Amino acid sequence: MPSFKIDTSTAVVFVATAPTPKLKNKRTGEIAVDSETGANMMTVGLLISDDGEGNLYQVSVPQTGVPEGLVPGMPVSVVSLKARDWENEFNGEKRHGIAFRAAAIAAGA
């Protein structure tokens, strides 16, 4: 599926929730792995505010791109933020949404 770059150059970005391992399978606890680097994936909640509007995004980031010590309220910058739509079917129910992914998060903005 194609992905789309998101320009955060004029945005203010804060950590909303601390990084946690991204689960590939919640039932088994299997952690998602980045297909490009082989690194475990993390999920970080980010509050991104731009043009008078703020939104909370759950962003997937390879563990190698997540610095130590990220805590809620900390200003950060996002490297190569992209959005991609997804759709799947589970137990006969179709689900869809938008997934957000970044190459890295840098402490300080």
Protein backbone atom coordinates (compact mmCIF):
# COMPACT_ATOMS: atom_id res chain seq x y z
CA MET A 1 0.00 0.00 0.00
CA PRO A 2 1.25 3.50 -0.70
CA SER A 3 2.16 5.77 2.18
CA PHE A 4 2.05 9.53 2.39
CA LYS A 5 4.57 11.86 4.02
CA ILE A 6 3.29 14.13 6.75
CA ASP A 7 5.01 17.51 7.07
CA THR A 8 5.60 18.32 10.75
CA SER A 9 8.06 21.18 10.10
CA THR A 10 5.64 23.81 11.49
CA ALA A 11 4.08 21.60 14.16
CA VAL A 12 4.70 21.41 17.89
CA VAL A 13 5.07 17.77 18.94
CA PHE A 14 4.93 16.35 22.48
CA VAL A 15 5.08 12.81 23.84
CA ALA A 16 1.58 11.89 25.04
CA THR A 17 2.28 8.30 26.10
CA ALA A 18 5.63 6.64 26.75
CA PRO A 19 6.96 4.08 24.23
CA THR A 20 5.66 0.53 24.56
CA PRO A 21 6.39 -2.57 22.47
CA LYS A 22 4.06 -2.86 19.48
CA LEU A 23 2.26 -6.19 19.59
CA LYS A 24 1.81 -8.16 16.41
CA ASN A 25 -0.48 -10.59 18.20
CA LYS A 26 -2.18 -9.47 21.43
CA ARG A 27 -3.26 -13.01 22.27
CA THR A 28 0.27 -14.46 22.17
CA GLY A 29 2.18 -11.30 23.12
CA GLU A 30 4.31 -11.52 19.96
CA ILE A 31 6.12 -8.22 19.31
CA ALA A 32 6.02 -6.69 15.82
CA VAL A 33 9.35 -6.53 13.97
CA ASP A 34 10.43 -3.96 11.37
CA SER A 35 10.69 -5.80 8.05
CA GLU A 36 13.47 -3.48 6.85
CA THR A 37 15.83 -3.51 9.84
CA GLY A 38 14.74 -6.47 11.95
CA ALA A 39 14.37 -4.16 14.98
CA ASN A 40 11.47 -4.58 17.38
CA MET A 41 8.74 -2.00 16.83
CA MET A 42 7.54 0.43 19.48
CA THR A 43 4.35 2.49 19.73
CA VAL A 44 4.54 6.08 20.99
CA GLY A 45 1.58 8.38 21.55
CA LEU A 46 2.32 11.83 20.12
CA LEU A 47 0.33 15.03 20.44
CA ILE A 48 0.88 16.98 17.23
CA SER A 49 -0.38 20.56 17.17
CA ASP A 50 -0.40 22.70 14.02
CA ASP A 51 -2.57 25.49 12.64
CA GLY A 52 -4.56 25.77 15.87
CA GLU A 53 -5.50 22.08 15.94
CA GLY A 54 -4.03 19.32 18.10
CA ASN A 55 -4.41 15.59 17.52
CA LEU A 56 -3.22 12.47 19.27
CA TYR A 57 -1.52 9.87 17.07
CA GLN A 58 -0.25 6.40 17.92
CA VAL A 59 2.98 6.18 15.92
CA SER A 60 4.98 3.02 15.22
CA VAL A 61 8.76 3.49 15.36
CA PRO A 62 11.62 0.97 15.18
CA GLN A 63 13.13 0.56 18.66
CA THR A 64 16.47 1.80 17.29
CA GLY A 65 14.77 5.14 16.52
CA VAL A 66 13.37 5.69 20.02
CA PRO A 67 15.73 7.48 22.42
CA GLU A 68 15.87 6.51 26.09
CA GLY A 69 13.92 8.58 28.58
CA LEU A 70 10.92 9.69 26.52
CA VAL A 71 8.21 10.73 28.98
CA PRO A 72 4.78 12.33 28.58
CA GLY A 73 4.97 16.10 28.10
CA MET A 74 8.45 16.03 26.55
CA PRO A 75 8.85 18.05 23.34
CA VAL A 76 10.18 15.96 20.46
CA SER A 77 10.59 16.04 16.71
CA VAL A 78 9.55 13.29 14.34
CA VAL A 79 11.73 11.97 11.53
CA SER A 80 9.97 10.85 8.32
CA LEU A 81 6.40 10.59 9.60
CA LYS A 82 4.17 8.74 7.14
CA ALA A 83 0.52 7.70 7.03
CA ARG A 84 -0.85 4.57 5.37
CA ASP A 85 -4.40 3.29 5.18
CA TRP A 86 -5.14 -0.30 6.11
CA GLU A 87 -8.04 -2.73 5.93
CA ASN A 88 -8.49 -6.27 7.20
CA GLU A 89 -11.17 -8.76 8.04
CA PHE A 90 -11.34 -10.50 11.40
CA ASN A 91 -14.09 -12.96 12.35
CA GLY A 92 -16.16 -11.79 9.38
CA GLU A 93 -15.93 -8.14 10.40
CA LYS A 94 -14.19 -5.64 8.12
CA ARG A 95 -12.01 -3.07 9.86
CA HIS A 96 -10.07 -0.15 8.45
CA GLY A 97 -8.06 2.84 9.58
CA ILE A 98 -4.88 4.84 9.15
CA ALA A 99 -1.52 3.69 10.52
CA PHE A 100 1.24 6.17 11.35
CA ARG A 101 4.92 5.31 11.22
CA ALA A 102 8.13 7.28 11.74
CA ALA A 103 11.75 6.43 11.14
CA ALA A 104 12.75 7.98 14.47
CA ILE A 105 11.82 10.35 17.24
CA ALA A 106 14.35 12.91 18.44
CA ALA A 107 14.26 14.32 21.97
CA GLY A 108 13.96 18.11 22.10
CA ALA A 109 12.27 20.18 19.46
